[in-house]
Each structure stands twice: as structure tokens, then as C-alpha cells.
């Protein structure tokens, strides 16, 4: 399959994300027929506009139920907020673009793109963090009428096109979030809530 437009790239990555999320939720070691069908149907539906990405409000609700921790390393010490897509690169200064980060990660990442920084650290982002990033990238691209722009002709963007994953590791190598979501003694099933919001 050849990806030629910015929209196709973002939709393909988002469809792969849904495939990975389904496999992780099912505790699958590798992708199966069901996950490949999810990816195929979602990619097609996003491209022909019969399906849509979930609202960023769902990710905001997750901020309230997920354990408060650095979204990059999982530390719960010395937390501050970080712009997932840096404002210096054109990211919005809104709650949708804010994530928890420890001082160390925030300082190390600085104004770099989160995905580029994680690639430099040889880390694949947690699924829920990547989902927020992709939703922001899709939203920015739609607002700029860039979804049909040929990939090779895309202007300078606040997010890094080259860092958007087109292939995902096997589910056994992925994390839904930076810290374990299902915690004994915590009211309600956080893993179930995270899956519902997906």
C-alpha cells in the first residue's frame, strides 16, 4: 500500500494504533485476524469519511482516571506539565496539548517533538500518549486543510511527519500507558475505563 497524502499517513497510523490497542486490551502476544480487520476497516472508514477519530475530550477524561505520572517515563515525582506538541513549533497552548512530565523528561525533551525525542531514546510511545498526539496532528491538519496534501509537498508542521509510526511493534512489546493501569485497591477498573474511552 502506498501512502501519498498527509491524511493517509495520519489515518494509517491511527488505524494501526486501534489495531494495537485492541491487541493489548485482549492481551494478545501478536496481531491476529480481528486486529487486522479493525485496522483495515478503520483506515478505509477514515479515508472515505464514514468513520471518525474519537474526540480529544475522551483523552481529557482519561487524565482524570489514569494514575498521575510522567507520560514519558512513569515517574510520579516532581511533575509539571509539558506541551506534547511544543508551542515553539506551533503547538497549541491548550489543555488538549498538555501532558504530565517529570522535571527530568521535560528538561530533556525541551522544545523537541515528543515522538522524535522518544525515537532518539529508542522508545515506542505508550498507546494512549500516541493516540493523543495523533488526534492533535489530525486536528491541526484538518484545520489547515492539509489532509489531501501530497506527503512530499507538506509544509513545515508543528509535528514531525517522519516520526509518525507507520508500523507498530508486536503487542507484547507495547504499553497501553506508562504505568500499570489496573491497580489493586483502586475503585473501578481503570483498564476497563481506558479501553472504553478508546
C-alpha atoms as a PDB file:
ATOM      1  CA  UNK A   1       0.000   0.000   0.000  1.00  0.00           C
ATOM      2  CA  UNK A   2       1.357   3.389  -0.971  1.00  0.00           C
ATOM      3  CA  UNK A   3       0.686   6.364   1.266  1.00  0.00           C
ATOM      4  CA  UNK A   4       0.621   9.556  -0.776  1.00  0.00           C
ATOM      5  CA  UNK A   5      -1.140  12.219   1.311  1.00  0.00           C
ATOM      6  CA  UNK A   6      -0.782  13.637   4.783  1.00  0.00           C
ATOM      7  CA  UNK A   7      -4.294  12.399   5.624  1.00  0.00           C
ATOM      8  CA  UNK A   8      -3.469   8.854   4.501  1.00  0.00           C
ATOM      9  CA  UNK A   9      -0.329   8.838   6.673  1.00  0.00           C
ATOM     10  CA  UNK A  10      -2.194  10.055   9.759  1.00  0.00           C
ATOM     11  CA  UNK A  11      -5.141   7.724   9.143  1.00  0.00           C
ATOM     12  CA  UNK A  12      -2.851   4.724   8.619  1.00  0.00           C
ATOM     13  CA  UNK A  13      -1.014   5.400  11.864  1.00  0.00           C
ATOM     14  CA  UNK A  14      -4.309   5.927  13.731  1.00  0.00           C
ATOM     15  CA  UNK A  15      -5.710   2.671  12.293  1.00  0.00           C
ATOM     16  CA  UNK A  16      -2.535   0.845  13.381  1.00  0.00           C
ATOM     17  CA  UNK A  17      -2.980   2.399  16.806  1.00  0.00           C
ATOM     18  CA  UNK A  18      -6.527   0.994  17.029  1.00  0.00           C
ATOM     19  CA  UNK A  19      -5.190  -2.413  15.978  1.00  0.00           C
ATOM     20  CA  UNK A  20      -2.504  -2.259  18.681  1.00  0.00           C
ATOM     21  CA  UNK A  21      -4.957  -1.039  21.337  1.00  0.00           C
ATOM     22  CA  UNK A  22      -7.308  -3.921  20.548  1.00  0.00           C
ATOM     23  CA  UNK A  23      -4.481  -6.464  20.798  1.00  0.00           C
ATOM     24  CA  UNK A  24      -3.181  -5.053  24.092  1.00  0.00           C
ATOM     25  CA  UNK A  25      -6.677  -4.986  25.591  1.00  0.00           C
ATOM     26  CA  UNK A  26      -7.166  -8.621  24.512  1.00  0.00           C
ATOM     27  CA  UNK A  27      -3.728  -9.478  25.985  1.00  0.00           C
ATOM     28  CA  UNK A  28      -2.636 -10.872  22.609  1.00  0.00           C
ATOM     29  CA  UNK A  29       1.041 -11.688  22.072  1.00  0.00           C
ATOM     30  CA  UNK A  30       0.792 -10.888  18.358  1.00  0.00           C
ATOM     31  CA  UNK A  31      -1.716  -9.384  15.954  1.00  0.00           C
ATOM     32  CA  UNK A  32      -4.466 -11.626  14.683  1.00  0.00           C
ATOM     33  CA  UNK A  33      -7.251 -11.560  12.145  1.00  0.00           C
ATOM     34  CA  UNK A  34      -9.525  -9.447  14.348  1.00  0.00           C
ATOM     35  CA  UNK A  35      -6.906  -6.731  14.814  1.00  0.00           C
ATOM     36  CA  UNK A  36      -6.074  -6.645  11.100  1.00  0.00           C
ATOM     37  CA  UNK A  37      -9.790  -6.277  10.315  1.00  0.00           C
ATOM     38  CA  UNK A  38     -10.054  -3.392  12.795  1.00  0.00           C
ATOM     39  CA  UNK A  39      -7.117  -1.657  11.113  1.00  0.00           C
ATOM     40  CA  UNK A  40      -8.430  -2.231   7.602  1.00  0.00           C
ATOM     41  CA  UNK A  41     -11.977  -1.074   8.312  1.00  0.00           C
ATOM     42  CA  UNK A  42     -10.909   1.965  10.295  1.00  0.00           C
ATOM     43  CA  UNK A  43      -8.339   3.067   7.705  1.00  0.00           C
ATOM     44  CA  UNK A  44     -10.889   2.772   4.922  1.00  0.00           C
ATOM     45  CA  UNK A  45     -13.590   4.478   7.008  1.00  0.00           C
ATOM     46  CA  UNK A  46     -11.321   7.378   7.976  1.00  0.00           C
ATOM     47  CA  UNK A  47     -10.244   7.940   4.377  1.00  0.00           C
ATOM     48  CA  UNK A  48     -13.775   7.889   2.942  1.00  0.00           C
ATOM     49  CA  UNK A  49     -15.121   9.825   5.972  1.00  0.00           C
ATOM     50  CA  UNK A  50     -17.644   7.191   7.068  1.00  0.00           C
ATOM     51  CA  UNK A  51     -15.742   6.841  10.378  1.00  0.00           C
ATOM     52  CA  UNK A  52     -14.002   9.381  12.584  1.00  0.00           C
ATOM     53  CA  UNK A  53     -11.399   9.547  15.318  1.00  0.00           C
ATOM     54  CA  UNK A  54     -12.623   9.770  18.891  1.00  0.00           C
ATOM     55  CA  UNK A  55     -12.869  13.239  20.424  1.00  0.00           C
ATOM     56  CA  UNK A  56      -9.976  14.706  22.409  1.00  0.00           C
ATOM     57  CA  UNK A  57     -12.458  15.090  25.261  1.00  0.00           C
ATOM     58  CA  UNK A  58     -12.156  11.312  25.765  1.00  0.00           C
ATOM     59  CA  UNK A  59      -8.418  11.709  26.326  1.00  0.00           C
ATOM     60  CA  UNK A  60      -9.075  14.593  28.719  1.00  0.00           C
ATOM     61  CA  UNK A  61     -11.378  12.330  30.745  1.00  0.00           C
ATOM     62  CA  UNK A  62      -8.573   9.776  30.915  1.00  0.00           C
ATOM     63  CA  UNK A  63      -6.332  12.391  32.561  1.00  0.00           C
ATOM     64  CA  UNK A  64      -8.751  12.260  35.479  1.00  0.00           C
ATOM     65  CA  UNK A  65      -8.784   8.454  35.887  1.00  0.00           C
ATOM     66  CA  UNK A  66      -5.248   7.412  34.939  1.00  0.00           C
ATOM     67  CA  UNK A  67      -2.605   7.414  37.658  1.00  0.00           C
ATOM     68  CA  UNK A  68      -0.868  10.816  37.746  1.00  0.00           C
ATOM     69  CA  UNK A  69       2.589  10.117  36.335  1.00  0.00           C
ATOM     70  CA  UNK A  70       5.068  11.391  33.772  1.00  0.00           C
ATOM     71  CA  UNK A  71       3.638  10.338  30.409  1.00  0.00           C
ATOM     72  CA  UNK A  72       7.142   9.558  29.131  1.00  0.00           C
ATOM     73  CA  UNK A  73       8.811   7.574  31.946  1.00  0.00           C
ATOM     74  CA  UNK A  74       6.098   6.885  34.528  1.00  0.00           C
ATOM     75  CA  UNK A  75       7.774   8.776  37.394  1.00  0.00           C
ATOM     76  CA  UNK A  76       5.394  10.275  39.923  1.00  0.00           C
ATOM     77  CA  UNK A  77       7.967  12.684  41.365  1.00  0.00           C
ATOM     78  CA  UNK A  78       8.444  16.357  40.525  1.00  0.00           C
ATOM     79  CA  UNK A  79       5.637  16.519  37.980  1.00  0.00           C
ATOM     80  CA  UNK A  80       4.942  19.521  35.788  1.00  0.00           C
ATOM     81  CA  UNK A  81       3.025  19.977  32.569  1.00  0.00           C
ATOM     82  CA  UNK A  82       4.571  19.642  29.129  1.00  0.00           C
ATOM     83  CA  UNK A  83       3.275  20.595  25.705  1.00  0.00           C
ATOM     84  CA  UNK A  84       3.081  17.319  23.789  1.00  0.00           C
ATOM     85  CA  UNK A  85       3.488  19.272  20.553  1.00  0.00           C
ATOM     86  CA  UNK A  86       5.770  22.161  21.588  1.00  0.00           C
ATOM     87  CA  UNK A  87       4.414  25.700  21.357  1.00  0.00           C
ATOM     88  CA  UNK A  88       7.771  26.759  19.875  1.00  0.00           C
ATOM     89  CA  UNK A  89       6.948  24.532  16.909  1.00  0.00           C
ATOM     90  CA  UNK A  90       3.348  25.793  16.648  1.00  0.00           C
ATOM     91  CA  UNK A  91       1.577  23.505  19.108  1.00  0.00           C
ATOM     92  CA  UNK A  92      -1.434  24.948  20.876  1.00  0.00           C
ATOM     93  CA  UNK A  93      -1.248  26.263  24.429  1.00  0.00           C
ATOM     94  CA  UNK A  94      -4.430  24.396  25.381  1.00  0.00           C
ATOM     95  CA  UNK A  95      -5.339  21.613  27.780  1.00  0.00           C
ATOM     96  CA  UNK A  96      -5.591  19.120  24.924  1.00  0.00           C
ATOM     97  CA  UNK A  97      -1.879  19.599  24.247  1.00  0.00           C
ATOM     98  CA  UNK A  98      -0.778  19.388  27.901  1.00  0.00           C
ATOM     99  CA  UNK A  99       0.525  16.186  29.467  1.00  0.00           C
ATOM    100  CA  UNK A 100       2.219  15.319  32.770  1.00  0.00           C
ATOM    101  CA  UNK A 101       6.017  15.209  32.629  1.00  0.00           C
ATOM    102  CA  UNK A 102       8.638  14.848  35.315  1.00  0.00           C
ATOM    103  CA  UNK A 103      11.323  17.526  35.542  1.00  0.00           C
ATOM    104  CA  UNK A 104      13.934  15.227  34.035  1.00  0.00           C
ATOM    105  CA  UNK A 105      11.911  14.264  30.945  1.00  0.00           C
ATOM    106  CA  UNK A 106      10.545  17.786  30.473  1.00  0.00           C
ATOM    107  CA  UNK A 107      14.079  19.213  30.582  1.00  0.00           C
ATOM    108  CA  UNK A 108      15.483  16.524  28.289  1.00  0.00           C
ATOM    109  CA  UNK A 109      12.666  16.803  25.720  1.00  0.00           C
ATOM    110  CA  UNK A 110      12.682  20.602  25.847  1.00  0.00           C
ATOM    111  CA  UNK A 111      11.039  22.002  22.681  1.00  0.00           C
ATOM    112  CA  UNK A 112      11.536  18.841  20.629  1.00  0.00           C
ATOM    113  CA  UNK A 113       8.719  16.830  19.116  1.00  0.00           C
ATOM    114  CA  UNK A 114       7.695  14.116  21.588  1.00  0.00           C
ATOM    115  CA  UNK A 115       7.827  11.312  19.013  1.00  0.00           C
ATOM    116  CA  UNK A 116      11.258  12.384  17.731  1.00  0.00           C
ATOM    117  CA  UNK A 117      12.547  12.557  21.304  1.00  0.00           C
ATOM    118  CA  UNK A 118      11.173   9.088  22.121  1.00  0.00           C
ATOM    119  CA  UNK A 119      12.714   7.639  18.931  1.00  0.00           C
ATOM    120  CA  UNK A 120      16.066   9.129  19.968  1.00  0.00           C
ATOM    121  CA  UNK A 121      15.645   7.275  23.289  1.00  0.00           C
ATOM    122  CA  UNK A 122      14.792   4.087  21.348  1.00  0.00           C
ATOM    123  CA  UNK A 123      11.278   4.007  22.844  1.00  0.00           C
ATOM    124  CA  UNK A 124       7.917   3.473  21.210  1.00  0.00           C
ATOM    125  CA  UNK A 125       5.337   5.772  22.845  1.00  0.00           C
ATOM    126  CA  UNK A 126       2.640   4.344  25.092  1.00  0.00           C
ATOM    127  CA  UNK A 127      -0.539   3.780  23.066  1.00  0.00           C
ATOM    128  CA  UNK A 128      -2.646   6.344  24.936  1.00  0.00           C
ATOM    129  CA  UNK A 129       0.036   9.030  24.532  1.00  0.00           C
ATOM    130  CA  UNK A 130       0.398   8.296  20.816  1.00  0.00           C
ATOM    131  CA  UNK A 131      -3.373   8.418  20.425  1.00  0.00           C
ATOM    132  CA  UNK A 132      -3.493  11.946  21.880  1.00  0.00           C
ATOM    133  CA  UNK A 133      -0.577  13.005  19.637  1.00  0.00           C
ATOM    134  CA  UNK A 134      -2.235  11.638  16.500  1.00  0.00           C
ATOM    135  CA  UNK A 135      -5.576  13.257  17.352  1.00  0.00           C
ATOM    136  CA  UNK A 136      -3.812  16.610  17.731  1.00  0.00           C
ATOM    137  CA  UNK A 137      -1.935  16.124  14.449  1.00  0.00           C
ATOM    138  CA  UNK A 138      -5.133  15.175  12.606  1.00  0.00           C
ATOM    139  CA  UNK A 139      -6.988  18.130  14.116  1.00  0.00           C
ATOM    140  CA  UNK A 140      -4.219  20.570  13.079  1.00  0.00           C
ATOM    141  CA  UNK A 141      -4.081  19.097   9.582  1.00  0.00           C
ATOM    142  CA  UNK A 142      -7.844  19.366   9.151  1.00  0.00           C
ATOM    143  CA  UNK A 143      -7.895  22.959  10.401  1.00  0.00           C
ATOM    144  CA  UNK A 144      -5.148  23.818   7.896  1.00  0.00           C
ATOM    145  CA  UNK A 145      -6.932  21.973   5.038  1.00  0.00           C
ATOM    146  CA  UNK A 146      -3.845  19.782   4.648  1.00  0.00           C
ATOM    147  CA  UNK A 147      -5.316  16.279   4.724  1.00  0.00           C
ATOM    148  CA  UNK A 148      -5.251  15.937   0.916  1.00  0.00           C
ATOM    149  CA  UNK A 149      -1.791  17.492   0.598  1.00  0.00           C
ATOM    150  CA  UNK A 150       0.689  15.117  -1.044  1.00  0.00           C
ATOM    151  CA  UNK A 151       3.088  13.835   1.579  1.00  0.00           C
ATOM    152  CA  UNK A 152       6.097  15.134  -0.380  1.00  0.00           C
ATOM    153  CA  UNK A 153       4.570  18.654  -0.585  1.00  0.00           C
ATOM    154  CA  UNK A 154       3.577  19.032   3.070  1.00  0.00           C
ATOM    155  CA  UNK A 155       4.599  22.405   4.545  1.00  0.00           C
ATOM    156  CA  UNK A 156       6.500  22.831   7.815  1.00  0.00           C
ATOM    157  CA  UNK A 157       4.207  21.459  10.519  1.00  0.00           C
ATOM    158  CA  UNK A 158       4.164  21.670  14.328  1.00  0.00           C
ATOM    159  CA  UNK A 159       4.515  17.867  14.485  1.00  0.00           C
ATOM    160  CA  UNK A 160       7.099  15.607  12.869  1.00  0.00           C
ATOM    161  CA  UNK A 161       5.841  13.664   9.847  1.00  0.00           C
ATOM    162  CA  UNK A 162       8.928  11.450   9.788  1.00  0.00           C
ATOM    163  CA  UNK A 163       8.344  10.298  13.383  1.00  0.00           C
ATOM    164  CA  UNK A 164       4.719   9.236  12.869  1.00  0.00           C
ATOM    165  CA  UNK A 165       4.828   5.442  13.048  1.00  0.00           C
ATOM    166  CA  UNK A 166       3.628   3.527  10.009  1.00  0.00           C
ATOM    167  CA  UNK A 167       4.470   0.138  11.521  1.00  0.00           C
ATOM    168  CA  UNK A 168       3.935  -0.884  15.131  1.00  0.00           C
ATOM    169  CA  UNK A 169       5.832  -3.399  17.261  1.00  0.00           C
ATOM    170  CA  UNK A 170       4.058  -6.579  18.316  1.00  0.00           C
ATOM    171  CA  UNK A 171       1.544  -6.008  21.144  1.00  0.00           C
ATOM    172  CA  UNK A 172       3.738  -7.877  23.627  1.00  0.00           C
ATOM    173  CA  UNK A 173       6.307  -5.082  23.158  1.00  0.00           C
ATOM    174  CA  UNK A 174       3.825  -2.218  23.643  1.00  0.00           C
ATOM    175  CA  UNK A 175       2.409  -0.475  26.698  1.00  0.00           C
ATOM    176  CA  UNK A 176      -1.061   0.982  26.967  1.00  0.00           C
ATOM    177  CA  UNK A 177       0.201   3.592  29.442  1.00  0.00           C
ATOM    178  CA  UNK A 178       3.488   4.359  31.195  1.00  0.00           C
ATOM    179  CA  UNK A 179       2.356   2.813  34.481  1.00  0.00           C
ATOM    180  CA  UNK A 180       0.175  -0.197  35.142  1.00  0.00           C
ATOM    181  CA  UNK A 181      -3.448   0.849  34.799  1.00  0.00           C
ATOM    182  CA  UNK A 182      -5.224  -1.939  36.683  1.00  0.00           C
ATOM    183  CA  UNK A 183      -4.246  -1.385  40.305  1.00  0.00           C
ATOM    184  CA  UNK A 184      -5.476  -3.439  43.254  1.00  0.00           C
ATOM    185  CA  UNK A 185      -7.460  -1.422  45.757  1.00  0.00           C
ATOM    186  CA  UNK A 186      -8.375   1.358  43.316  1.00  0.00           C
ATOM    187  CA  UNK A 187     -12.132   1.821  42.935  1.00  0.00           C
ATOM    188  CA  UNK A 188     -13.339   0.807  39.497  1.00  0.00           C
ATOM    189  CA  UNK A 189     -11.384  -0.897  36.777  1.00  0.00           C
ATOM    190  CA  UNK A 190      -9.078   1.717  35.254  1.00  0.00           C
ATOM    191  CA  UNK A 191      -8.006  -0.590  32.436  1.00  0.00           C
ATOM    192  CA  UNK A 192     -11.661  -1.054  31.509  1.00  0.00           C
ATOM    193  CA  UNK A 193     -12.243   2.722  31.622  1.00  0.00           C
ATOM    194  CA  UNK A 194      -9.221   3.324  29.400  1.00  0.00           C
ATOM    195  CA  UNK A 195     -10.499   0.737  26.911  1.00  0.00           C
ATOM    196  CA  UNK A 196     -13.992   2.264  26.928  1.00  0.00           C
ATOM    197  CA  UNK A 197     -12.670   5.725  26.117  1.00  0.00           C
ATOM    198  CA  UNK A 198     -10.629   4.363  23.217  1.00  0.00           C
END
